[in-house]
Amino acid sequence: MALALGVSSGAVAQSRYVHANNSSYDTLDPHTVFDVARVASRLNFYDGLYRWVDNPPELIPWLATGHEVSEDGLTWTFTLRDDVPFHDGRMMTAEDVVYSVERMLAIARGSAALFLPVLDPGNTVAVDEHTVAFTLKEPSALFGSFVADLLVLNSELVKENEVDGDWGQAFLTENVAGSGSFTLTRYDPALGFIGTRFADHFAGWGENYLDEIEFRTVLETNTRIQGLMRGDYHGLDGYLAPDQVQRLRASDAVQIFEEESMRVFYFAVHNGREPMDDLNFRKVLAHAFDYDGYINGIMQGTVARNPTINPNNLWGVPDVEPYTYDLDKAREYLELVEGPIRTLRIGTLAGFSETEQAAALLQNGLAQLGINVEIESAPWPVVSSNMQDPDTMYDMVPLWKSTYYADPNNWVGELYGSRYAPTRNASAYHNPESNELLEEALVETDQARRAELYEEATRIIYEDAAGIWIYNTKWFGPYSSRLQGVRFSPVGNGQDMRWAYFED
């Protein structure tokens, strides 16, 4: 297994990696954190049954060595490794997996949005000490992709720190109970966290590794860039504006890793609130955004126009003409909208200039149509929280949909399927026709048929102008020129640090 995981015996101490993050780490609880901005704590402190690696994303065995599926597609049985220690030295068993599943489903946050539609509490059992079985509510073509997001906790440690039946939520906000590659050394929600290499990790370690990792909250973009060039930091978020990438390329202290990604930039539009509940007005929005100005002007051609919510380089994507910036056409649709148009509210992500620029561009286009727009900027945890409730959801939010698992349901299903409202489907979009197709795709096992279902559902949602879809992005990972071994995957975005090391 050590050879399969790409490690070897022997080890030579290295040093600390410091990552300047553009969002705060307000909690370390792996069952509540599910966004890419805070993914580092999940990947480095915890392990799942399988793990996504490389690009295109590939699932490899991790805490589990393999699995079997019953003929009816309902029972998934996983064989667990018998050599996995938690950070306190206690060995993992199937009971820890069962507890982790029940906890995740009970608190119903984070990755629970993936599991709740197909798995009920009480339907995960420990067959023996190193075998666990999941009995699903219905056959699921996706379940195998989800198990990487089932992060396993040290059940005894968490139970010891439960307070009034809270499943250890207060404890895990600022503590770690995992088996991951690094152990928690320090945590401050205002600063970030520091982790120390877990020498006894089951996957072993190669000859090169990092002794410590620090993920530090640095909201101001210029501060992050200057710090990387000075050597204060060793890595940044890989999704930067073109001028920032060019600035970093000019520094001898920095290297840029360029990878194709599956990260779609779009506007989430509140379809359940007037005037966005009118198809004609949504067509106004679709034609009021200057796509070419954004992609070739602001982004300097470093991204690809993406006409739907599914990334261009994914299967199950329909061949459609993208919406264009056309104010004359927008005016034609606006004439079909009844009543006066109120002032619209766009929420943007503080520290993410691309979202603010996109909002300003749409604001300008709508202003030429006589429609007023107010822009509100807030940190991602605030924006994300507001998006979870249709009453507090903004009228529109420009943001990215990243790769949590490599299946069209990750994009079109979660963002526009009724079963995911409001946790993932923040757009309050509900169309019986597309929903039926999306539901069928969740249980269909034939890949060709699944592709047809997703193509048709995506086409319907495209014709409904349920969102404003702008581009599929590239990842330009900026790191210290001394850092080696970064293993990029669209699931995780290069923040899984167990393979990285500094070159002398």
Protein backbone atom coordinates (compact mmCIF):
# COMPACT_ATOMS: atom_id res chain seq x y z
CA MET A 1 0.00 0.00 0.00
CA ALA A 2 2.92 2.36 0.69
CA LEU A 3 4.09 1.91 -2.89
CA ALA A 4 0.53 2.38 -4.21
CA LEU A 5 0.29 5.68 -2.36
CA GLY A 6 3.56 6.87 -3.86
CA VAL A 7 5.62 7.01 -0.65
CA SER A 8 8.80 5.30 0.48
CA SER A 9 10.50 4.49 3.73
CA GLY A 10 12.94 6.87 5.34
CA ALA A 11 12.41 10.54 6.13
CA VAL A 12 14.34 13.78 6.25
CA ALA A 13 12.96 16.75 8.21
CA GLN A 14 12.03 19.86 6.27
CA SER A 15 10.27 23.03 7.43
CA ARG A 16 7.05 25.08 7.64
CA TYR A 17 4.81 25.93 4.71
CA VAL A 18 2.80 29.16 5.10
CA HIS A 19 -0.30 29.67 2.96
CA ALA A 20 -1.99 33.08 2.77
CA ASN A 21 -5.71 32.39 2.43
CA ASN A 22 -8.28 34.87 1.15
CA SER A 23 -11.01 33.70 3.52
CA SER A 24 -11.15 33.16 7.27
CA TYR A 25 -11.23 29.83 9.07
CA ASP A 26 -14.14 30.40 11.42
CA THR A 27 -14.44 26.70 12.32
CA LEU A 28 -12.44 23.48 12.00
CA ASP A 29 -15.46 21.17 12.17
CA PRO A 30 -15.08 18.88 9.11
CA HIS A 31 -18.81 18.20 8.97
CA THR A 32 -19.74 21.88 8.68
CA VAL A 33 -16.93 23.15 6.43
CA PHE A 34 -17.56 22.24 2.80
CA ASP A 35 -16.49 25.21 0.70
CA VAL A 36 -13.21 25.41 -1.21
CA ALA A 37 -12.11 28.56 0.66
CA ARG A 38 -11.69 26.54 3.87
CA VAL A 39 -10.91 23.12 2.40
CA ALA A 40 -7.36 22.98 3.82
CA SER A 41 -8.50 22.03 7.32
CA ARG A 42 -10.56 19.13 5.97
CA LEU A 43 -7.85 17.77 3.68
CA ASN A 44 -4.93 18.03 6.08
CA PHE A 45 -6.48 17.12 9.43
CA TYR A 46 -8.93 14.40 8.32
CA ASP A 47 -9.20 11.38 6.05
CA GLY A 48 -12.10 9.90 4.08
CA LEU A 49 -12.79 6.39 2.84
CA TYR A 50 -11.49 7.37 -0.60
CA ARG A 51 -9.54 10.44 -1.75
CA TRP A 52 -9.61 12.60 -4.86
CA VAL A 53 -6.19 13.16 -6.43
CA ASP A 54 -4.70 14.59 -9.63
CA ASN A 55 -6.32 16.15 -12.70
CA PRO A 56 -8.70 14.93 -14.12
CA PRO A 57 -9.90 13.96 -10.64
CA GLU A 58 -9.35 10.31 -9.72
CA LEU A 59 -10.64 8.48 -6.65
CA ILE A 60 -8.10 6.29 -4.88
CA PRO A 61 -8.61 4.02 -1.82
CA TRP A 62 -7.72 5.78 1.40
CA LEU A 63 -9.19 4.69 4.74
CA ALA A 64 -10.95 1.94 2.80
CA THR A 65 -9.13 -0.60 0.66
CA GLY A 66 -12.15 -1.24 -1.56
CA HIS A 67 -15.91 -1.77 -1.66
CA GLU A 68 -18.70 -3.91 -3.10
CA VAL A 69 -22.24 -2.99 -4.18
CA SER A 70 -25.23 -5.32 -3.87
CA GLU A 71 -27.14 -6.38 -6.98
CA ASP A 72 -30.06 -4.08 -6.15
CA GLY A 73 -27.64 -1.13 -5.81
CA LEU A 74 -28.77 -0.37 -2.25
CA THR A 75 -26.03 -1.79 -0.03
CA TRP A 76 -22.46 -0.51 -0.30
CA THR A 77 -19.96 -2.45 1.81
CA PHE A 78 -16.49 -1.02 2.45
CA THR A 79 -13.45 -2.87 3.77
CA LEU A 80 -11.39 -0.64 6.05
CA ARG A 81 -7.67 -0.56 6.67
CA ASP A 82 -6.66 -2.06 10.03
CA ASP A 83 -3.62 0.17 10.56
CA VAL A 84 -5.07 3.68 10.88
CA PRO A 85 -4.21 5.59 14.09
CA PHE A 86 -5.97 8.76 15.12
CA HIS A 87 -3.81 11.62 16.32
CA ASP A 88 -4.10 10.45 19.94
CA GLY A 89 -2.88 6.96 18.99
CA ARG A 90 -6.23 5.17 19.18
CA MET A 91 -6.84 2.88 16.18
CA MET A 92 -9.76 3.51 13.84
CA THR A 93 -12.56 0.93 13.58
CA ALA A 94 -15.84 0.66 11.71
CA GLU A 95 -17.62 2.16 14.74
CA ASP A 96 -15.80 5.45 14.09
CA VAL A 97 -17.15 5.49 10.55
CA VAL A 98 -20.69 4.78 11.79
CA TYR A 99 -20.47 7.55 14.40
CA SER A 100 -19.09 9.99 11.82
CA VAL A 101 -21.96 9.24 9.44
CA GLU A 102 -24.61 9.61 12.13
CA ARG A 103 -23.07 12.86 13.34
CA MET A 104 -22.86 14.31 9.85
CA LEU A 105 -26.50 13.44 9.13
CA ALA A 106 -27.68 14.73 12.51
CA ILE A 107 -26.12 18.18 12.28
CA ALA A 108 -27.16 18.34 8.59
CA ARG A 109 -24.54 20.82 7.46
CA GLY A 110 -21.56 20.75 5.11
CA SER A 111 -21.24 17.53 3.13
CA ALA A 112 -24.47 16.19 4.65
CA ALA A 113 -26.19 17.85 1.70
CA LEU A 114 -24.69 15.09 -0.46
CA PHE A 115 -25.70 12.19 1.76
CA LEU A 116 -29.13 13.12 3.17
CA PRO A 117 -31.00 12.52 -0.11
CA VAL A 118 -29.81 8.90 -0.26
CA LEU A 119 -28.93 7.82 3.29
CA ASP A 120 -31.11 7.84 6.42
CA PRO A 121 -29.77 7.90 9.99
CA GLY A 122 -29.43 4.39 11.39
CA ASN A 123 -28.72 2.76 8.04
CA THR A 124 -24.95 2.56 8.44
CA VAL A 125 -23.71 -0.46 10.38
CA ALA A 126 -20.40 -1.93 11.49
CA VAL A 127 -20.42 -5.44 10.03
CA ASP A 128 -17.25 -6.19 11.95
CA GLU A 129 -14.30 -4.19 13.29
CA HIS A 130 -13.03 -3.31 9.82
CA THR A 131 -16.12 -3.55 7.60
CA VAL A 132 -18.89 -0.99 7.29
CA ALA A 133 -22.09 -1.20 5.24
CA PHE A 134 -24.35 1.61 4.02
CA THR A 135 -27.95 0.79 3.03
CA LEU A 136 -29.26 3.55 0.79
CA LYS A 137 -32.85 4.74 0.41
CA GLU A 138 -32.57 4.24 -3.32
CA PRO A 139 -29.87 3.21 -5.77
CA SER A 140 -27.43 6.08 -6.24
CA ALA A 141 -25.01 6.50 -9.12
CA LEU A 142 -23.23 9.14 -7.07
CA PHE A 143 -22.62 7.46 -3.72
CA GLY A 144 -19.20 6.15 -4.68
CA SER A 145 -18.11 9.70 -5.46
CA PHE A 146 -19.34 10.99 -2.11
CA VAL A 147 -17.31 8.79 0.21
CA ALA A 148 -14.26 11.01 -0.14
CA ASP A 149 -16.33 13.65 1.67
CA LEU A 150 -17.20 11.33 4.54
CA LEU A 151 -14.46 12.45 6.91
CA VAL A 152 -13.96 10.06 9.80
CA LEU A 153 -13.74 11.27 13.41
CA ASN A 154 -12.26 9.72 16.52
CA SER A 155 -15.64 8.85 18.02
CA GLU A 156 -14.38 8.30 21.57
CA LEU A 157 -12.65 11.68 21.69
CA VAL A 158 -15.68 13.52 20.33
CA LYS A 159 -18.10 11.73 22.68
CA GLU A 160 -15.92 12.71 25.64
CA ASN A 161 -16.37 16.35 24.61
CA GLU A 162 -20.07 16.40 23.76
CA VAL A 163 -22.11 19.01 25.63
CA ASP A 164 -25.88 18.62 25.97
CA GLY A 165 -26.10 16.33 22.97
CA ASP A 166 -24.35 18.72 20.58
CA TRP A 167 -22.36 15.95 18.84
CA GLY A 168 -19.19 17.75 19.92
CA GLN A 169 -19.88 20.78 17.75
CA ALA A 170 -18.50 23.28 20.26
CA PHE A 171 -15.39 21.15 20.73
CA LEU A 172 -14.71 20.59 17.02
CA THR A 173 -15.07 24.25 16.18
CA GLU A 174 -11.53 24.77 17.49
CA ASN A 175 -10.16 21.25 17.98
CA VAL A 176 -9.35 18.32 15.71
CA ALA A 177 -10.33 14.67 16.15
CA GLY A 178 -8.93 13.12 13.00
CA SER A 179 -6.33 10.81 11.53
CA GLY A 180 -5.07 13.20 8.85
CA SER A 181 -1.56 13.93 7.68
CA PHE A 182 -1.15 16.85 10.12
CA THR A 183 -2.14 17.41 13.74
CA LEU A 184 -3.45 20.71 15.07
CA THR A 185 -0.85 22.85 16.85
CA ARG A 186 -2.64 26.21 17.03
CA TYR A 187 -5.97 27.64 15.99
CA ASP A 188 -7.27 31.19 16.12
CA PRO A 189 -10.35 32.07 14.07
CA ALA A 190 -8.91 35.52 13.46
CA LEU A 191 -5.53 34.24 12.28
CA GLY A 192 -5.87 30.70 10.92
CA PHE A 193 -4.27 27.45 11.99
CA ILE A 194 -0.94 25.63 12.27
CA GLY A 195 -0.52 21.90 11.85
CA THR A 196 2.41 19.57 12.59
CA ARG A 197 3.22 16.53 10.47
CA PHE A 198 1.63 13.37 11.88
CA ALA A 199 4.58 11.00 11.71
CA ASP A 200 2.38 7.92 12.27
CA HIS A 201 -0.03 8.60 9.41
CA PHE A 202 -1.08 5.29 7.85
CA ALA A 203 0.06 6.30 4.33
CA GLY A 204 3.62 6.78 5.51
CA TRP A 205 5.96 9.54 4.38
CA GLY A 206 8.51 9.86 1.63
CA GLU A 207 12.02 11.18 1.97
CA ASN A 208 10.75 14.75 1.60
CA TYR A 209 7.90 16.36 3.46
CA LEU A 210 6.79 19.45 5.39
CA ASP A 211 7.26 19.56 9.15
CA GLU A 212 4.54 22.15 9.63
CA ILE A 213 1.82 23.87 7.67
CA GLU A 214 0.25 27.22 8.47
CA PHE A 215 -2.87 28.47 6.73
CA ARG A 216 -3.13 32.13 7.58
CA THR A 217 -6.06 34.46 6.88
CA VAL A 218 -4.88 37.41 4.76
CA LEU A 219 -7.87 39.11 3.18
CA GLU A 220 -6.12 41.86 1.22
CA THR A 221 -4.99 40.64 -2.20
CA ASN A 222 -1.99 42.95 -2.54
CA THR A 223 -0.71 41.91 0.89
CA ARG A 224 -0.87 38.25 -0.12
CA ILE A 225 0.98 38.86 -3.38
CA GLN A 226 3.70 41.02 -1.87
CA GLY A 227 4.14 38.51 0.96
CA LEU A 228 4.64 35.63 -1.48
CA MET A 229 7.25 37.57 -3.45
CA ARG A 230 9.07 38.51 -0.22
CA GLY A 231 9.02 34.92 1.00
CA ASP A 232 6.68 35.58 3.94
CA TYR A 233 4.23 33.11 2.40
CA HIS A 234 4.85 30.04 0.26
CA GLY A 235 1.49 29.66 -1.45
CA LEU A 236 -1.72 31.49 -2.31
CA ASP A 237 -5.12 30.71 -3.72
CA GLY A 238 -4.69 29.54 -7.32
CA TYR A 239 -7.56 31.55 -8.72
CA LEU A 240 -6.16 35.03 -9.24
CA ALA A 241 -6.87 37.91 -11.60
CA PRO A 242 -4.64 37.98 -14.72
CA ASP A 243 -2.72 41.08 -13.66
CA GLN A 244 -1.94 39.40 -10.35
CA VAL A 245 -0.69 36.27 -12.13
CA GLN A 246 1.56 38.35 -14.41
CA ARG A 247 2.91 40.24 -11.44
CA LEU A 248 3.84 36.99 -9.72
CA ARG A 249 5.35 35.50 -12.89
CA ALA A 250 7.88 38.34 -12.90
CA SER A 251 9.26 37.32 -9.52
CA ASP A 252 12.17 34.86 -9.31
CA ALA A 253 10.88 33.80 -5.91
CA VAL A 254 7.60 32.52 -7.34
CA GLN A 255 6.55 29.70 -9.64
CA ILE A 256 3.12 29.39 -11.26
CA PHE A 257 1.57 25.97 -11.79
CA GLU A 258 -1.03 26.17 -14.57
CA GLU A 259 -3.79 23.56 -14.74
CA GLU A 260 -7.13 23.19 -16.48
CA SER A 261 -9.82 23.19 -13.82
CA MET A 262 -13.56 22.63 -13.48
CA ARG A 263 -14.48 25.81 -11.66
CA VAL A 264 -17.39 27.65 -13.23
CA PHE A 265 -17.94 31.34 -12.54
CA TYR A 266 -21.59 32.37 -12.61
CA PHE A 267 -24.25 34.54 -11.00
CA ALA A 268 -26.62 32.71 -8.69
CA VAL A 269 -29.96 34.41 -9.43
CA HIS A 270 -32.87 34.23 -6.96
CA ASN A 271 -35.52 32.70 -9.22
CA GLY A 272 -38.09 32.67 -6.43
CA ARG A 273 -38.27 36.43 -5.88
CA GLU A 274 -39.68 39.14 -8.11
CA PRO A 275 -38.69 40.33 -10.61
CA MET A 276 -36.32 37.35 -11.17
CA ASP A 277 -39.27 34.95 -11.03
CA ASP A 278 -40.21 36.28 -14.49
CA LEU A 279 -38.42 34.47 -17.36
CA ASN A 280 -38.43 37.67 -19.40
CA PHE A 281 -36.55 39.52 -16.69
CA ARG A 282 -34.03 36.71 -16.34
CA LYS A 283 -33.43 37.06 -20.10
CA VAL A 284 -32.84 40.77 -19.45
CA LEU A 285 -30.13 39.83 -16.96
CA ALA A 286 -28.61 37.27 -19.32
CA HIS A 287 -28.20 39.88 -22.07
CA ALA A 288 -27.13 42.75 -19.77
CA PHE A 289 -23.79 41.23 -18.82
CA ASP A 290 -20.75 42.08 -20.96
CA TYR A 291 -19.20 38.62 -21.30
CA ASP A 292 -16.52 39.65 -23.78
CA GLY A 293 -15.56 42.68 -21.69
CA TYR A 294 -15.18 40.49 -18.64
CA ILE A 295 -13.39 37.52 -20.22
CA ASN A 296 -11.10 39.32 -22.67
CA GLY A 297 -10.85 42.63 -20.85
CA ILE A 298 -10.84 42.05 -17.11
CA MET A 299 -9.66 38.42 -17.26
CA GLN A 300 -7.37 39.07 -20.25
CA GLY A 301 -8.45 35.90 -22.04
CA THR A 302 -7.15 33.54 -19.37
CA VAL A 303 -10.52 31.78 -18.98
CA ALA A 304 -12.95 30.08 -21.38
CA ARG A 305 -16.51 31.21 -22.07
CA ASN A 306 -18.85 28.66 -20.45
CA PRO A 307 -22.44 28.89 -21.76
CA THR A 308 -24.04 26.65 -19.11
CA ILE A 309 -23.42 25.76 -15.49
CA ASN A 310 -21.59 22.51 -16.36
CA PRO A 311 -17.90 23.00 -17.21
CA ASN A 312 -17.05 22.70 -20.90
CA ASN A 313 -14.58 19.88 -20.27
CA LEU A 314 -17.10 17.64 -18.52
CA TRP A 315 -19.34 14.98 -20.03
CA GLY A 316 -23.11 15.57 -20.17
CA VAL A 317 -22.84 19.13 -21.52
CA PRO A 318 -25.27 20.28 -24.28
CA ASP A 319 -24.12 22.12 -27.40
CA VAL A 320 -25.79 25.52 -27.03
CA GLU A 321 -25.02 29.05 -28.13
CA PRO A 322 -23.94 31.19 -25.19
CA TYR A 323 -25.98 34.20 -24.18
CA THR A 324 -24.46 37.42 -25.52
CA TYR A 325 -24.18 40.98 -24.31
CA ASP A 326 -26.99 42.64 -26.26
CA LEU A 327 -28.76 45.60 -24.66
CA ASP A 328 -31.22 45.91 -27.54
CA LYS A 329 -32.37 42.37 -26.98
CA ALA A 330 -32.45 43.03 -23.23
CA ARG A 331 -34.77 46.00 -23.82
CA GLU A 332 -37.12 43.80 -25.84
CA TYR A 333 -37.44 41.41 -22.94
CA LEU A 334 -37.74 44.28 -20.46
CA GLU A 335 -40.83 45.56 -22.29
CA LEU A 336 -42.51 42.24 -21.50
CA VAL A 337 -41.94 42.61 -17.75
CA GLU A 338 -44.94 44.04 -15.91
CA GLY A 339 -44.69 46.79 -13.30
CA PRO A 340 -41.77 48.92 -12.12
CA ILE A 341 -38.44 47.24 -11.36
CA ARG A 342 -37.20 47.71 -7.81
CA THR A 343 -33.56 48.26 -6.88
CA LEU A 344 -31.69 44.97 -7.05
CA ARG A 345 -29.12 43.77 -4.51
CA ILE A 346 -25.95 41.92 -5.51
CA GLY A 347 -23.78 40.28 -2.84
CA THR A 348 -20.05 40.01 -3.58
CA LEU A 349 -17.19 38.23 -1.81
CA ALA A 350 -14.79 40.51 0.04
CA GLY A 351 -11.21 39.89 -1.05
CA PHE A 352 -12.31 38.34 -4.36
CA SER A 353 -11.97 41.21 -6.82
CA GLU A 354 -13.41 39.15 -9.68
CA THR A 355 -16.80 39.03 -7.96
CA GLU A 356 -16.79 42.77 -7.36
CA GLN A 357 -15.76 43.47 -10.96
CA ALA A 358 -18.46 41.18 -12.33
CA ALA A 359 -21.08 42.86 -10.15
CA ALA A 360 -19.96 46.30 -11.31
CA LEU A 361 -20.11 45.21 -14.94
CA LEU A 362 -23.67 43.92 -14.56
CA GLN A 363 -24.58 47.03 -12.59
CA ASN A 364 -23.38 49.14 -15.51
CA GLY A 365 -25.31 47.13 -18.09
CA LEU A 366 -28.52 47.30 -16.08
CA ALA A 367 -28.05 51.02 -15.43
CA GLN A 368 -28.22 51.59 -19.18
CA LEU A 369 -31.63 49.90 -19.07
CA GLY A 370 -32.81 52.15 -16.22
CA ILE A 371 -32.45 49.44 -13.55
CA ASN A 372 -30.73 50.34 -10.28
CA VAL A 373 -28.38 47.92 -8.51
CA GLU A 374 -26.78 48.07 -5.07
CA ILE A 375 -23.63 46.05 -4.40
CA GLU A 376 -22.85 44.71 -0.94
CA SER A 377 -19.46 43.12 -0.16
CA ALA A 378 -18.94 40.69 2.73
CA PRO A 379 -16.57 37.84 3.68
CA TRP A 380 -17.43 34.45 2.22
CA PRO A 381 -18.79 32.93 5.48
CA VAL A 382 -21.30 35.81 5.70
CA VAL A 383 -22.33 35.55 2.04
CA SER A 384 -22.56 31.77 2.29
CA SER A 385 -24.74 31.96 5.39
CA ASN A 386 -27.08 34.46 3.75
CA MET A 387 -27.41 32.19 0.72
CA GLN A 388 -28.72 29.28 2.81
CA ASP A 389 -32.11 30.94 3.40
CA PRO A 390 -34.36 32.19 0.56
CA ASP A 391 -35.38 35.13 2.76
CA THR A 392 -31.79 36.35 3.29
CA MET A 393 -30.44 35.29 -0.11
CA TYR A 394 -29.32 38.25 -2.22
CA ASP A 395 -31.03 38.89 -5.56
CA MET A 396 -27.80 37.80 -7.20
CA VAL A 397 -24.36 36.56 -6.14
CA PRO A 398 -21.37 36.17 -8.49
CA LEU A 399 -19.32 33.21 -7.35
CA TRP A 400 -17.64 29.97 -8.40
CA LYS A 401 -18.92 26.42 -8.32
CA SER A 402 -15.95 24.19 -7.71
CA THR A 403 -15.40 20.46 -8.12
CA TYR A 404 -16.46 18.61 -4.98
CA TYR A 405 -16.92 15.44 -7.03
CA ALA A 406 -16.47 14.96 -10.77
CA ASP A 407 -20.04 14.38 -11.94
CA PRO A 408 -22.52 16.76 -13.65
CA ASN A 409 -24.70 16.56 -10.56
CA ASN A 410 -21.97 18.54 -8.76
CA TRP A 411 -22.98 21.51 -10.90
CA VAL A 412 -26.37 21.34 -12.61
CA GLY A 413 -27.92 18.95 -10.11
CA GLU A 414 -26.93 20.66 -6.88
CA LEU A 415 -27.44 24.21 -8.10
CA TYR A 416 -30.80 23.71 -9.85
CA GLY A 417 -32.27 20.47 -8.53
CA SER A 418 -35.16 20.84 -6.07
CA ARG A 419 -33.84 18.23 -3.66
CA TYR A 420 -30.85 20.45 -2.90
CA ALA A 421 -32.79 23.59 -2.01
CA PRO A 422 -31.87 25.73 -0.17
CA THR A 423 -28.50 24.37 1.01
CA ARG A 424 -26.91 23.96 -2.44
CA ASN A 425 -29.67 25.23 -4.72
CA ALA A 426 -29.62 28.80 -3.42
CA SER A 427 -31.31 30.04 -6.61
CA ALA A 428 -34.75 28.79 -5.53
CA TYR A 429 -35.08 27.32 -9.02
CA HIS A 430 -37.74 24.62 -9.42
CA ASN A 431 -38.70 23.24 -12.82
CA PRO A 432 -40.63 19.92 -12.83
CA GLU A 433 -39.33 18.95 -16.27
CA SER A 434 -35.63 19.43 -15.59
CA ASN A 435 -36.06 18.09 -12.07
CA GLU A 436 -37.45 14.80 -13.38
CA LEU A 437 -34.42 14.38 -15.62
CA LEU A 438 -32.00 15.21 -12.82
CA GLU A 439 -33.69 12.74 -10.51
CA GLU A 440 -33.52 9.96 -13.08
CA ALA A 441 -29.81 10.66 -13.61
CA LEU A 442 -29.17 10.06 -9.91
CA VAL A 443 -30.24 6.40 -10.09
CA GLU A 444 -29.39 5.53 -13.70
CA THR A 445 -26.27 3.35 -13.95
CA ASP A 446 -25.72 3.47 -17.72
CA GLN A 447 -23.18 6.21 -18.41
CA ALA A 448 -24.44 7.03 -21.91
CA ARG A 449 -28.00 7.43 -20.66
CA ARG A 450 -26.83 9.59 -17.75
CA ALA A 451 -25.03 11.87 -20.22
CA GLU A 452 -28.27 12.27 -22.25
CA LEU A 453 -30.27 13.09 -19.12
CA TYR A 454 -27.81 15.74 -17.96
CA GLU A 455 -27.57 17.28 -21.42
CA GLU A 456 -31.34 17.69 -21.66
CA ALA A 457 -31.75 18.98 -18.09
CA THR A 458 -28.96 21.49 -18.60
CA ARG A 459 -30.52 22.64 -21.87
CA ILE A 460 -33.85 23.32 -20.13
CA ILE A 461 -32.17 25.29 -17.36
CA TYR A 462 -30.16 27.20 -19.96
CA GLU A 463 -33.35 28.13 -21.84
CA ASP A 464 -34.90 29.22 -18.54
CA ALA A 465 -31.94 31.60 -18.00
CA ALA A 466 -31.91 30.38 -14.40
CA GLY A 467 -28.48 31.94 -13.87
CA ILE A 468 -25.83 33.99 -15.61
CA TRP A 469 -23.04 31.60 -16.65
CA ILE A 470 -19.77 33.23 -17.56
CA TYR A 471 -16.61 31.14 -17.69
CA ASN A 472 -14.72 27.97 -16.89
CA THR A 473 -11.46 28.84 -15.23
CA LYS A 474 -7.84 27.85 -15.19
CA TRP A 475 -5.91 27.35 -11.99
CA PHE A 476 -2.67 29.34 -11.80
CA GLY A 477 -1.19 28.05 -8.56
CA PRO A 478 1.36 30.54 -7.16
CA TYR A 479 3.93 28.95 -4.88
CA SER A 480 7.43 29.60 -3.65
CA SER A 481 9.97 28.58 -6.28
CA ARG A 482 11.39 26.21 -3.64
CA LEU A 483 8.17 24.24 -3.17
CA GLN A 484 7.87 20.90 -4.95
CA GLY A 485 5.42 17.99 -4.96
CA VAL A 486 2.18 19.99 -5.16
CA ARG A 487 -0.46 17.51 -6.30
CA PHE A 488 -3.28 19.50 -7.88
CA SER A 489 -6.80 18.19 -8.20
CA PRO A 490 -9.91 20.22 -9.08
CA VAL A 491 -11.27 18.63 -5.89
CA GLY A 492 -9.18 20.41 -3.27
CA ASN A 493 -7.38 22.94 -5.44
CA GLY A 494 -3.80 22.13 -4.51
CA GLN A 495 -4.22 22.52 -0.74
CA ASP A 496 -3.61 18.87 0.20
CA MET A 497 -0.09 19.33 1.53
CA ARG A 498 0.98 15.78 2.39
CA TRP A 499 2.97 15.40 -0.85
CA ALA A 500 4.61 18.84 -0.88
CA TYR A 501 8.13 19.65 0.27
CA PHE A 502 10.80 22.33 -0.03
CA GLU A 503 13.71 21.86 -2.37
CA ASP A 504 17.09 22.81 -0.88
